[in-house]
């Protein structure tokens, strides 16, 4: 294709201009949490390893990707702490929404949340929990770069970062519609 046709290719996903824009969904599982006695699940804080790993996830995001246009974060304490520590490593703070639907969400719930994202958002970051995040990646990825899909199938540990690219609007996200372009597990 000629450059004047406004078509580019990102890891096999074509961008055909405004109607077929390539969007990037970055998924961050919260860092390792603690299990203090008597603390409800929603209020569990990060543990020592999580406090080290969350900034490492932020450093990975800072060197590998543009700052996201929007962050959707579960309101659970461990996800908020993960995001706060990761965000401190970025050049600037993107807008953040703490969406209660992300807490204990399954893949179907996560698809619904992402499909509502405004079309002007090119890069979206989800900060949430397993098994929903892992299931979302496995269902959405119709293909993958290298062995990324197999590594996700093996384990989607705390602090894991997966990147999916999607051609077209967020409302088109569904099973098999995205390409898994990257998967990493940063450790501090």
N, C-alpha and C. Protein backbone atom coordinates (compact mmCIF):
# COMPACT_ATOMS: atom_id res chain seq x y z
N UNK A 1 0.82 -1.19 0.00
CA UNK A 1 0.00 0.00 0.00
C UNK A 1 0.87 1.25 0.00
N UNK A 2 0.38 2.25 -0.65
CA UNK A 2 1.07 3.54 -0.66
C UNK A 2 0.79 4.28 0.63
N UNK A 3 1.77 5.07 1.09
CA UNK A 3 1.60 5.87 2.29
C UNK A 3 0.39 6.79 2.18
N UNK A 4 0.12 7.29 0.98
CA UNK A 4 -1.00 8.22 0.81
C UNK A 4 -2.35 7.56 1.04
N UNK A 5 -2.38 6.22 1.06
CA UNK A 5 -3.64 5.53 1.32
C UNK A 5 -3.96 5.49 2.81
N UNK A 6 -3.06 6.01 3.64
CA UNK A 6 -3.26 6.05 5.09
C UNK A 6 -3.44 4.66 5.68
N UNK A 7 -2.71 3.72 5.15
CA UNK A 7 -2.77 2.37 5.67
C UNK A 7 -1.40 2.02 6.25
N UNK A 8 -1.40 1.60 7.50
CA UNK A 8 -0.18 1.14 8.12
C UNK A 8 -0.44 -0.24 8.68
N UNK A 9 0.62 -0.93 9.05
CA UNK A 9 0.46 -2.25 9.63
C UNK A 9 1.21 -2.32 10.94
N UNK A 10 0.56 -2.79 12.00
CA UNK A 10 1.16 -2.95 13.30
C UNK A 10 1.05 -4.42 13.67
N UNK A 11 2.17 -5.13 13.69
CA UNK A 11 2.20 -6.55 14.05
C UNK A 11 1.11 -7.33 13.33
N UNK A 12 0.93 -7.06 12.03
CA UNK A 12 -0.04 -7.83 11.26
C UNK A 12 -1.45 -7.28 11.30
N UNK A 13 -1.73 -6.26 12.10
CA UNK A 13 -3.06 -5.65 12.14
C UNK A 13 -2.99 -4.38 11.33
N UNK A 14 -3.83 -4.26 10.32
CA UNK A 14 -3.79 -3.11 9.43
C UNK A 14 -4.64 -1.97 9.96
N UNK A 15 -4.15 -0.75 9.75
CA UNK A 15 -4.89 0.47 10.10
C UNK A 15 -5.32 1.12 8.80
N UNK A 16 -6.58 1.11 8.53
CA UNK A 16 -7.11 1.67 7.29
C UNK A 16 -7.70 3.04 7.50
N UNK A 17 -7.15 3.82 8.38
CA UNK A 17 -7.65 5.16 8.62
C UNK A 17 -8.64 5.21 9.77
N UNK A 18 -9.40 6.30 9.89
CA UNK A 18 -10.26 6.52 11.05
C UNK A 18 -11.25 5.40 11.34
N UNK A 19 -11.85 4.81 10.31
CA UNK A 19 -12.86 3.78 10.55
C UNK A 19 -12.25 2.45 10.95
N UNK A 20 -11.00 2.21 10.57
CA UNK A 20 -10.35 0.94 10.88
C UNK A 20 -9.11 1.13 11.72
N UNK A 21 -9.10 2.16 12.56
CA UNK A 21 -7.91 2.48 13.36
C UNK A 21 -7.49 1.30 14.23
N UNK A 22 -6.18 1.14 14.35
CA UNK A 22 -5.65 0.11 15.23
C UNK A 22 -5.65 0.65 16.65
N UNK A 23 -6.22 -0.12 17.54
CA UNK A 23 -6.27 0.24 18.96
C UNK A 23 -5.46 -0.78 19.73
N UNK A 24 -4.90 -0.31 20.85
CA UNK A 24 -4.07 -1.18 21.68
C UNK A 24 -4.71 -1.29 23.06
N UNK A 25 -4.90 -2.54 23.49
CA UNK A 25 -5.42 -2.85 24.81
C UNK A 25 -4.28 -3.44 25.62
N UNK A 26 -3.84 -2.71 26.63
CA UNK A 26 -2.77 -3.15 27.52
C UNK A 26 -3.43 -3.65 28.79
N UNK A 27 -3.10 -4.85 29.19
CA UNK A 27 -3.72 -5.49 30.35
C UNK A 27 -2.66 -5.73 31.41
N UNK A 28 -2.91 -5.21 32.61
CA UNK A 28 -1.98 -5.36 33.73
C UNK A 28 -2.71 -6.05 34.88
N UNK A 29 -2.22 -7.22 35.23
CA UNK A 29 -2.76 -7.90 36.42
C UNK A 29 -2.11 -7.25 37.64
N UNK A 30 -2.89 -7.04 38.69
CA UNK A 30 -2.34 -6.43 39.91
C UNK A 30 -1.12 -7.20 40.40
N UNK A 31 -0.26 -6.49 41.12
CA UNK A 31 0.94 -7.10 41.69
C UNK A 31 0.55 -8.00 42.87
N UNK A 32 1.52 -8.75 43.36
CA UNK A 32 1.30 -9.74 44.43
C UNK A 32 0.73 -9.07 45.68
N UNK A 33 -0.36 -9.61 46.16
CA UNK A 33 -1.02 -9.01 47.33
C UNK A 33 -0.71 -9.79 48.59
N UNK A 34 -1.00 -9.15 49.70
CA UNK A 34 -0.88 -9.77 51.02
C UNK A 34 -2.23 -10.38 51.39
N UNK A 35 -2.22 -11.24 52.38
CA UNK A 35 -3.44 -11.89 52.87
C UNK A 35 -3.59 -11.66 54.38
N UNK A 36 -3.72 -10.40 54.81
CA UNK A 36 -3.83 -10.17 56.26
C UNK A 36 -5.12 -10.76 56.84
N UNK A 37 -5.01 -11.31 58.03
CA UNK A 37 -6.19 -11.88 58.71
C UNK A 37 -7.26 -10.82 58.91
N UNK A 38 -8.50 -11.21 58.65
CA UNK A 38 -9.63 -10.35 58.93
C UNK A 38 -9.86 -9.23 57.92
N UNK A 39 -9.05 -9.17 56.87
CA UNK A 39 -9.21 -8.11 55.86
C UNK A 39 -10.02 -8.67 54.69
N UNK A 40 -11.14 -8.02 54.36
CA UNK A 40 -11.92 -8.50 53.21
C UNK A 40 -11.10 -8.48 51.93
N UNK A 41 -11.43 -9.37 51.00
CA UNK A 41 -10.68 -9.49 49.76
C UNK A 41 -10.51 -8.15 49.05
N UNK A 42 -11.56 -7.37 48.96
CA UNK A 42 -11.54 -6.08 48.26
C UNK A 42 -10.50 -5.13 48.87
N UNK A 43 -10.21 -5.28 50.14
CA UNK A 43 -9.32 -4.35 50.85
C UNK A 43 -7.90 -4.88 51.05
N UNK A 44 -7.58 -6.05 50.47
CA UNK A 44 -6.23 -6.59 50.64
C UNK A 44 -5.19 -5.68 49.98
N UNK A 45 -4.11 -5.35 50.70
CA UNK A 45 -3.05 -4.51 50.14
C UNK A 45 -2.02 -5.34 49.38
N UNK A 46 -1.10 -4.66 48.74
CA UNK A 46 0.03 -5.35 48.12
C UNK A 46 0.95 -5.89 49.20
N UNK A 47 1.56 -7.00 48.92
CA UNK A 47 2.58 -7.56 49.80
C UNK A 47 3.95 -7.00 49.42
N UNK A 48 4.99 -7.40 50.14
CA UNK A 48 6.34 -6.90 49.85
C UNK A 48 6.78 -7.11 48.39
N UNK A 49 6.51 -8.31 47.85
CA UNK A 49 6.90 -8.55 46.45
C UNK A 49 6.09 -7.66 45.52
N UNK A 50 4.82 -7.47 45.79
CA UNK A 50 3.99 -6.60 44.97
C UNK A 50 4.47 -5.16 44.99
N UNK A 51 4.93 -4.71 46.15
CA UNK A 51 5.45 -3.34 46.25
C UNK A 51 6.72 -3.16 45.42
N UNK A 52 7.46 -4.25 45.19
CA UNK A 52 8.65 -4.19 44.32
C UNK A 52 8.28 -4.34 42.85
N UNK A 53 7.32 -5.23 42.56
CA UNK A 53 6.99 -5.55 41.18
C UNK A 53 6.15 -4.49 40.47
N UNK A 54 5.28 -3.81 41.18
CA UNK A 54 4.41 -2.80 40.54
C UNK A 54 5.22 -1.68 39.88
N UNK A 55 6.25 -1.12 40.54
CA UNK A 55 7.08 -0.12 39.84
C UNK A 55 7.80 -0.71 38.63
N UNK A 56 8.19 -1.98 38.70
CA UNK A 56 8.84 -2.62 37.55
C UNK A 56 7.87 -2.70 36.37
N UNK A 57 6.61 -2.97 36.67
CA UNK A 57 5.59 -2.97 35.60
C UNK A 57 5.47 -1.57 35.00
N UNK A 58 5.51 -0.55 35.84
CA UNK A 58 5.47 0.82 35.34
C UNK A 58 6.66 1.15 34.46
N UNK A 59 7.84 0.68 34.85
CA UNK A 59 9.03 0.91 34.02
C UNK A 59 8.91 0.23 32.66
N UNK A 60 8.34 -0.99 32.66
CA UNK A 60 8.11 -1.69 31.40
C UNK A 60 7.14 -0.88 30.53
N UNK A 61 6.06 -0.42 31.11
CA UNK A 61 5.10 0.38 30.36
C UNK A 61 5.75 1.63 29.80
N UNK A 62 6.56 2.31 30.62
CA UNK A 62 7.18 3.57 30.22
C UNK A 62 8.15 3.38 29.05
N UNK A 63 8.90 2.29 29.05
CA UNK A 63 9.89 2.12 27.97
C UNK A 63 9.33 1.41 26.75
N UNK A 64 8.19 0.74 26.88
CA UNK A 64 7.67 -0.06 25.78
C UNK A 64 6.49 0.56 25.04
N UNK A 65 5.78 1.45 25.68
CA UNK A 65 4.53 1.95 25.09
C UNK A 65 4.38 3.44 25.34
N UNK A 66 3.52 4.04 24.54
CA UNK A 66 3.11 5.40 24.84
C UNK A 66 2.25 5.38 26.10
N UNK A 67 2.16 6.51 26.77
CA UNK A 67 1.27 6.61 27.92
C UNK A 67 -0.16 6.34 27.42
N UNK A 68 -0.90 5.49 28.10
CA UNK A 68 -2.25 5.18 27.63
C UNK A 68 -3.14 6.42 27.61
N UNK A 69 -4.12 6.39 26.73
CA UNK A 69 -5.09 7.48 26.65
C UNK A 69 -6.09 7.42 27.81
N UNK A 70 -6.29 6.22 28.34
CA UNK A 70 -7.24 6.01 29.43
C UNK A 70 -6.82 4.77 30.21
N UNK A 71 -7.00 4.83 31.52
CA UNK A 71 -6.77 3.67 32.39
C UNK A 71 -8.09 3.34 33.07
N UNK A 72 -8.50 2.08 32.96
CA UNK A 72 -9.64 1.58 33.71
C UNK A 72 -9.08 0.62 34.76
N UNK A 73 -9.35 0.94 36.02
CA UNK A 73 -8.75 0.20 37.12
C UNK A 73 -9.84 -0.29 38.07
N UNK A 74 -9.71 -1.52 38.50
CA UNK A 74 -10.59 -2.05 39.54
C UNK A 74 -10.43 -1.19 40.79
N UNK A 75 -11.51 -1.01 41.56
CA UNK A 75 -11.39 -0.22 42.78
C UNK A 75 -10.79 -0.97 43.97
N UNK A 76 -10.46 -2.25 43.80
CA UNK A 76 -9.85 -3.00 44.90
C UNK A 76 -8.53 -2.34 45.30
N UNK A 77 -8.22 -2.43 46.57
CA UNK A 77 -7.02 -1.76 47.09
C UNK A 77 -5.75 -2.20 46.35
N UNK A 78 -5.59 -3.50 46.10
CA UNK A 78 -4.36 -4.00 45.49
C UNK A 78 -4.20 -3.52 44.04
N UNK A 79 -5.32 -3.35 43.32
CA UNK A 79 -5.22 -2.84 41.95
C UNK A 79 -4.91 -1.34 41.96
N UNK A 80 -5.54 -0.61 42.86
CA UNK A 80 -5.25 0.83 42.95
C UNK A 80 -3.79 1.06 43.33
N UNK A 81 -3.28 0.27 44.28
CA UNK A 81 -1.86 0.41 44.67
C UNK A 81 -0.95 0.04 43.51
N UNK A 82 -1.28 -1.03 42.79
CA UNK A 82 -0.48 -1.42 41.63
C UNK A 82 -0.42 -0.28 40.63
N UNK A 83 -1.57 0.28 40.31
CA UNK A 83 -1.59 1.37 39.33
C UNK A 83 -0.81 2.59 39.85
N UNK A 84 -1.01 2.97 41.09
CA UNK A 84 -0.31 4.15 41.62
C UNK A 84 1.21 3.99 41.53
N UNK A 85 1.71 2.80 41.88
CA UNK A 85 3.16 2.56 41.83
C UNK A 85 3.66 2.47 40.39
N UNK A 86 2.88 1.86 39.51
CA UNK A 86 3.28 1.78 38.10
C UNK A 86 3.23 3.16 37.45
N UNK A 87 2.19 3.92 37.73
CA UNK A 87 2.02 5.24 37.12
C UNK A 87 3.13 6.21 37.51
N UNK A 88 3.69 6.03 38.70
CA UNK A 88 4.78 6.90 39.15
C UNK A 88 6.00 6.80 38.23
N UNK A 89 6.08 5.74 37.42
CA UNK A 89 7.21 5.54 36.51
C UNK A 89 6.97 6.16 35.13
N UNK A 90 5.76 6.66 34.87
CA UNK A 90 5.42 7.22 33.56
C UNK A 90 5.77 8.71 33.50
N UNK A 91 5.91 9.21 32.28
CA UNK A 91 6.22 10.62 32.06
C UNK A 91 5.08 11.55 32.45
N UNK A 92 3.87 11.06 32.28
CA UNK A 92 2.69 11.86 32.64
C UNK A 92 1.57 10.93 33.08
N UNK A 93 0.62 11.49 33.79
CA UNK A 93 -0.48 10.70 34.33
C UNK A 93 -1.67 10.73 33.37
N UNK A 94 -2.08 9.57 32.86
CA UNK A 94 -3.27 9.53 32.01
C UNK A 94 -4.54 9.60 32.87
N UNK A 95 -5.67 9.88 32.26
CA UNK A 95 -6.93 9.83 33.02
C UNK A 95 -7.19 8.41 33.52
N UNK A 96 -7.71 8.31 34.74
CA UNK A 96 -7.97 7.02 35.37
C UNK A 96 -9.41 6.97 35.84
N UNK A 97 -10.07 5.85 35.56
CA UNK A 97 -11.42 5.61 36.09
C UNK A 97 -11.38 4.32 36.88
N UNK A 98 -11.87 4.37 38.10
CA UNK A 98 -11.97 3.17 38.94
C UNK A 98 -13.37 2.61 38.73
N UNK A 99 -13.44 1.53 38.00
CA UNK A 99 -14.71 0.96 37.59
C UNK A 99 -15.02 -0.28 38.43
N UNK A 100 -16.07 -0.24 39.24
CA UNK A 100 -16.39 -1.39 40.10
C UNK A 100 -16.71 -2.66 39.33
N UNK A 101 -17.06 -2.53 38.05
CA UNK A 101 -17.36 -3.72 37.26
C UNK A 101 -16.12 -4.57 37.01
N UNK A 102 -14.92 -4.00 37.19
CA UNK A 102 -13.68 -4.75 36.95
C UNK A 102 -13.33 -5.69 38.10
N UNK A 103 -13.88 -5.43 39.28
CA UNK A 103 -13.60 -6.29 40.43
C UNK A 103 -14.40 -7.58 40.26
N UNK A 104 -13.72 -8.71 40.28
CA UNK A 104 -14.34 -10.04 40.14
C UNK A 104 -15.01 -10.23 38.78
N UNK A 105 -14.58 -9.48 37.77
CA UNK A 105 -15.17 -9.59 36.43
C UNK A 105 -14.68 -10.83 35.72
N UNK A 106 -15.58 -11.44 34.96
CA UNK A 106 -15.15 -12.52 34.08
C UNK A 106 -14.89 -11.92 32.70
N UNK A 107 -14.45 -12.73 31.76
CA UNK A 107 -14.08 -12.22 30.44
C UNK A 107 -15.27 -11.52 29.76
N UNK A 108 -16.45 -12.07 29.89
CA UNK A 108 -17.64 -11.46 29.27
C UNK A 108 -17.88 -10.06 29.82
N UNK A 109 -17.74 -9.90 31.14
CA UNK A 109 -17.90 -8.57 31.75
C UNK A 109 -16.83 -7.61 31.23
N UNK A 110 -15.60 -8.09 31.11
CA UNK A 110 -14.50 -7.25 30.64
C UNK A 110 -14.71 -6.84 29.18
N UNK A 111 -15.17 -7.76 28.35
CA UNK A 111 -15.50 -7.40 26.96
C UNK A 111 -16.52 -6.26 26.96
N UNK A 112 -17.56 -6.37 27.79
CA UNK A 112 -18.59 -5.33 27.84
C UNK A 112 -18.02 -3.98 28.24
N UNK A 113 -17.14 -3.97 29.24
CA UNK A 113 -16.53 -2.71 29.70
C UNK A 113 -15.70 -2.09 28.58
N UNK A 114 -14.87 -2.89 27.93
CA UNK A 114 -14.00 -2.36 26.88
C UNK A 114 -14.82 -1.86 25.69
N UNK A 115 -15.88 -2.55 25.35
CA UNK A 115 -16.70 -2.14 24.21
C UNK A 115 -17.34 -0.76 24.40
N UNK A 116 -17.41 -0.30 25.63
CA UNK A 116 -17.99 1.03 25.92
C UNK A 116 -16.98 2.17 25.83
N UNK A 117 -15.71 1.85 25.64
CA UNK A 117 -14.66 2.87 25.63
C UNK A 117 -14.87 3.79 24.43
N UNK A 118 -14.73 5.10 24.64
CA UNK A 118 -14.94 6.05 23.54
C UNK A 118 -13.96 5.81 22.39
N UNK A 119 -14.38 6.07 21.16
CA UNK A 119 -13.54 5.78 20.00
C UNK A 119 -12.26 6.59 19.93
N UNK A 120 -12.21 7.74 20.59
CA UNK A 120 -10.99 8.55 20.53
C UNK A 120 -9.85 7.96 21.37
N UNK A 121 -10.13 6.97 22.20
CA UNK A 121 -9.08 6.30 22.98
C UNK A 121 -8.37 5.31 22.08
N UNK A 122 -7.08 5.56 21.84
CA UNK A 122 -6.29 4.67 20.99
C UNK A 122 -5.61 3.57 21.78
N UNK A 123 -5.17 3.90 23.01
CA UNK A 123 -4.53 2.91 23.88
C UNK A 123 -5.25 2.92 25.22
N UNK A 124 -5.75 1.76 25.59
CA UNK A 124 -6.48 1.58 26.84
C UNK A 124 -5.68 0.63 27.72
N UNK A 125 -5.57 0.97 29.00
CA UNK A 125 -4.92 0.09 29.97
C UNK A 125 -5.97 -0.38 30.97
N UNK A 126 -6.10 -1.70 31.12
CA UNK A 126 -6.96 -2.30 32.13
C UNK A 126 -6.09 -2.81 33.26
N UNK A 127 -6.43 -2.47 34.50
CA UNK A 127 -5.74 -2.98 35.67
C UNK A 127 -6.77 -3.77 36.47
N UNK A 128 -6.56 -5.07 36.58
CA UNK A 128 -7.57 -5.89 37.21
C UNK A 128 -7.04 -7.19 37.77
N UNK A 129 -7.90 -8.21 37.69
CA UNK A 129 -7.71 -9.46 38.43
C UNK A 129 -7.82 -10.67 37.51
N UNK A 130 -7.26 -11.76 38.00
CA UNK A 130 -7.47 -13.06 37.37
C UNK A 130 -8.60 -13.78 38.09
N UNK A 131 -9.27 -14.68 37.43
CA UNK A 131 -8.98 -15.25 36.11
C UNK A 131 -9.53 -14.43 34.94
N UNK A 132 -10.28 -13.37 35.22
CA UNK A 132 -10.92 -12.60 34.16
C UNK A 132 -9.97 -12.05 33.12
N UNK A 133 -8.84 -11.47 33.57
CA UNK A 133 -7.90 -10.88 32.61
C UNK A 133 -7.30 -11.95 31.70
N UNK A 134 -6.86 -13.04 32.29
CA UNK A 134 -6.28 -14.12 31.48
C UNK A 134 -7.29 -14.65 30.48
N UNK A 135 -8.52 -14.86 30.92
CA UNK A 135 -9.56 -15.36 30.03
C UNK A 135 -9.85 -14.37 28.90
N UNK A 136 -9.85 -13.08 29.22
CA UNK A 136 -10.05 -12.05 28.19
C UNK A 136 -8.97 -12.15 27.12
N UNK A 137 -7.71 -12.24 27.54
CA UNK A 137 -6.60 -12.33 26.59
C UNK A 137 -6.75 -13.59 25.73
N UNK A 138 -7.00 -14.72 26.36
CA UNK A 138 -7.09 -15.98 25.61
C UNK A 138 -8.28 -15.99 24.65
N UNK A 139 -9.38 -15.39 25.04
CA UNK A 139 -10.55 -15.35 24.16
C UNK A 139 -10.39 -14.34 23.03
N UNK A 140 -9.84 -13.17 23.34
CA UNK A 140 -9.74 -12.10 22.35
C UNK A 140 -8.68 -12.37 21.30
N UNK A 141 -7.61 -13.06 21.70
CA UNK A 141 -6.48 -13.26 20.79
C UNK A 141 -6.80 -14.31 19.73
N UNK A 142 -6.97 -13.84 18.51
CA UNK A 142 -7.15 -14.75 17.39
C UNK A 142 -5.82 -15.27 16.89
N UNK A 143 -4.76 -14.54 17.23
CA UNK A 143 -3.39 -14.91 16.84
C UNK A 143 -2.45 -14.24 17.83
N UNK A 144 -1.17 -14.63 17.74
CA UNK A 144 -0.18 -14.04 18.64
C UNK A 144 1.17 -13.96 17.95
N UNK A 145 1.96 -13.00 18.42
CA UNK A 145 3.34 -12.88 17.97
C UNK A 145 4.19 -13.86 18.77
N UNK A 146 5.00 -14.64 18.08
CA UNK A 146 5.90 -15.57 18.77
C UNK A 146 5.15 -16.56 19.64
N UNK A 147 5.69 -16.79 20.84
CA UNK A 147 5.10 -17.77 21.76
C UNK A 147 4.25 -17.12 22.85
N UNK A 148 3.84 -15.87 22.62
CA UNK A 148 3.11 -15.13 23.66
C UNK A 148 1.84 -15.84 24.11
N UNK A 149 1.08 -16.38 23.18
CA UNK A 149 -0.17 -17.03 23.55
C UNK A 149 0.08 -18.28 24.40
N UNK A 150 1.09 -19.04 24.04
CA UNK A 150 1.41 -20.23 24.83
C UNK A 150 1.86 -19.85 26.24
N UNK A 151 2.61 -18.75 26.37
CA UNK A 151 3.05 -18.31 27.69
C UNK A 151 1.86 -17.85 28.53
N UNK A 152 0.88 -17.20 27.92
CA UNK A 152 -0.33 -16.80 28.66
C UNK A 152 -1.09 -18.04 29.10
N UNK A 153 -1.20 -19.01 28.22
CA UNK A 153 -1.90 -20.26 28.57
C UNK A 153 -1.22 -20.97 29.74
N UNK A 154 0.10 -20.89 29.80
CA UNK A 154 0.86 -21.56 30.86
C UNK A 154 0.60 -20.88 32.20
N UNK A 155 0.68 -19.54 32.22
CA UNK A 155 0.47 -18.82 33.48
C UNK A 155 0.36 -17.33 33.19
N UNK A 156 -0.58 -16.67 33.86
CA UNK A 156 -0.75 -15.22 33.79
C UNK A 156 -0.54 -14.70 35.22
N UNK A 157 0.73 -14.59 35.64
CA UNK A 157 1.02 -14.30 37.05
C UNK A 157 0.75 -12.84 37.43
N UNK A 158 0.87 -12.56 38.71
CA UNK A 158 0.75 -11.18 39.18
C UNK A 158 1.77 -10.32 38.47
N UNK A 159 1.41 -9.07 38.22
CA UNK A 159 2.21 -8.06 37.52
C UNK A 159 2.38 -8.33 36.04
N UNK A 160 1.74 -9.36 35.50
CA UNK A 160 1.86 -9.65 34.07
C UNK A 160 1.25 -8.53 33.25
N UNK A 161 1.87 -8.29 32.09
CA UNK A 161 1.39 -7.29 31.14
C UNK A 161 1.20 -7.98 29.80
N UNK A 162 -0.02 -7.90 29.28
CA UNK A 162 -0.33 -8.43 27.95
C UNK A 162 -0.80 -7.28 27.08
N UNK A 163 -0.47 -7.34 25.80
CA UNK A 163 -0.86 -6.29 24.86
C UNK A 163 -1.59 -6.92 23.69
N UNK A 164 -2.80 -6.45 23.47
CA UNK A 164 -3.62 -6.88 22.35
C UNK A 164 -3.80 -5.70 21.40
N UNK A 165 -3.75 -5.96 20.10
CA UNK A 165 -4.09 -4.92 19.13
C UNK A 165 -5.37 -5.35 18.42
N UNK A 166 -6.19 -4.36 18.13
CA UNK A 166 -7.51 -4.56 17.55
C UNK A 166 -7.68 -3.56 16.42
N UNK A 167 -8.14 -4.02 15.29
CA UNK A 167 -8.45 -3.11 14.19
C UNK A 167 -9.91 -2.72 14.28
N UNK A 168 -10.17 -1.42 14.29
CA UNK A 168 -11.54 -0.94 14.34
C UNK A 168 -11.90 -0.44 15.72
N UNK A 169 -13.16 -0.10 15.91
CA UNK A 169 -13.58 0.48 17.18
C UNK A 169 -13.58 -0.55 18.32
N UNK A 170 -13.55 -0.03 19.53
CA UNK A 170 -13.58 -0.90 20.71
C UNK A 170 -14.81 -1.78 20.72
N UNK A 171 -15.89 -1.29 20.16
CA UNK A 171 -17.13 -2.07 20.14
C UNK A 171 -17.00 -3.37 19.35
N UNK A 172 -15.94 -3.49 18.53
CA UNK A 172 -15.71 -4.72 17.75
C UNK A 172 -14.92 -5.77 18.51
N UNK A 173 -14.45 -5.46 19.72
CA UNK A 173 -13.68 -6.44 20.47
C UNK A 173 -14.55 -7.63 20.83
N UNK A 174 -14.07 -8.80 20.51
CA UNK A 174 -14.78 -10.03 20.82
C UNK A 174 -13.84 -11.20 20.68
N UNK A 175 -14.34 -12.41 20.82
CA UNK A 175 -13.49 -13.59 20.67
C UNK A 175 -12.80 -13.63 19.31
N UNK A 176 -11.49 -13.81 19.34
CA UNK A 176 -10.71 -13.96 18.13
C UNK A 176 -10.51 -12.70 17.30
N UNK A 177 -10.81 -11.53 17.83
CA UNK A 177 -10.74 -10.30 17.04
C UNK A 177 -9.44 -9.53 17.21
N UNK A 178 -8.56 -9.96 18.10
CA UNK A 178 -7.35 -9.19 18.40
C UNK A 178 -6.11 -10.05 18.18
N UNK A 179 -4.98 -9.36 18.14
CA UNK A 179 -3.68 -10.01 18.03
C UNK A 179 -2.92 -9.76 19.32
N UNK A 180 -2.46 -10.83 19.95
CA UNK A 180 -1.62 -10.70 21.14
C UNK A 180 -0.21 -10.38 20.68
N UNK A 181 0.22 -9.13 20.87
CA UNK A 181 1.51 -8.70 20.35
C UNK A 181 2.63 -8.79 21.37
N UNK A 182 2.30 -8.84 22.66
CA UNK A 182 3.36 -8.88 23.67
C UNK A 182 2.82 -9.46 24.97
N UNK A 183 3.70 -10.11 25.70
CA UNK A 183 3.37 -10.63 27.04
C UNK A 183 4.65 -10.62 27.85
N UNK A 184 4.64 -9.98 29.00
CA UNK A 184 5.83 -9.89 29.84
C UNK A 184 5.42 -9.94 31.31
N UNK A 185 6.36 -10.38 32.14
CA UNK A 185 6.14 -10.44 33.58
C UNK A 185 7.29 -9.70 34.25
N UNK A 186 7.13 -8.38 34.44
CA UNK A 186 8.21 -7.61 35.06
C UNK A 186 8.32 -7.92 36.55
N UNK A 187 9.55 -7.97 37.02
CA UNK A 187 9.81 -8.20 38.44
C UNK A 187 10.77 -7.13 38.95
N UNK A 188 10.53 -6.69 40.19
CA UNK A 188 11.35 -5.64 40.79
C UNK A 188 12.51 -6.18 41.56
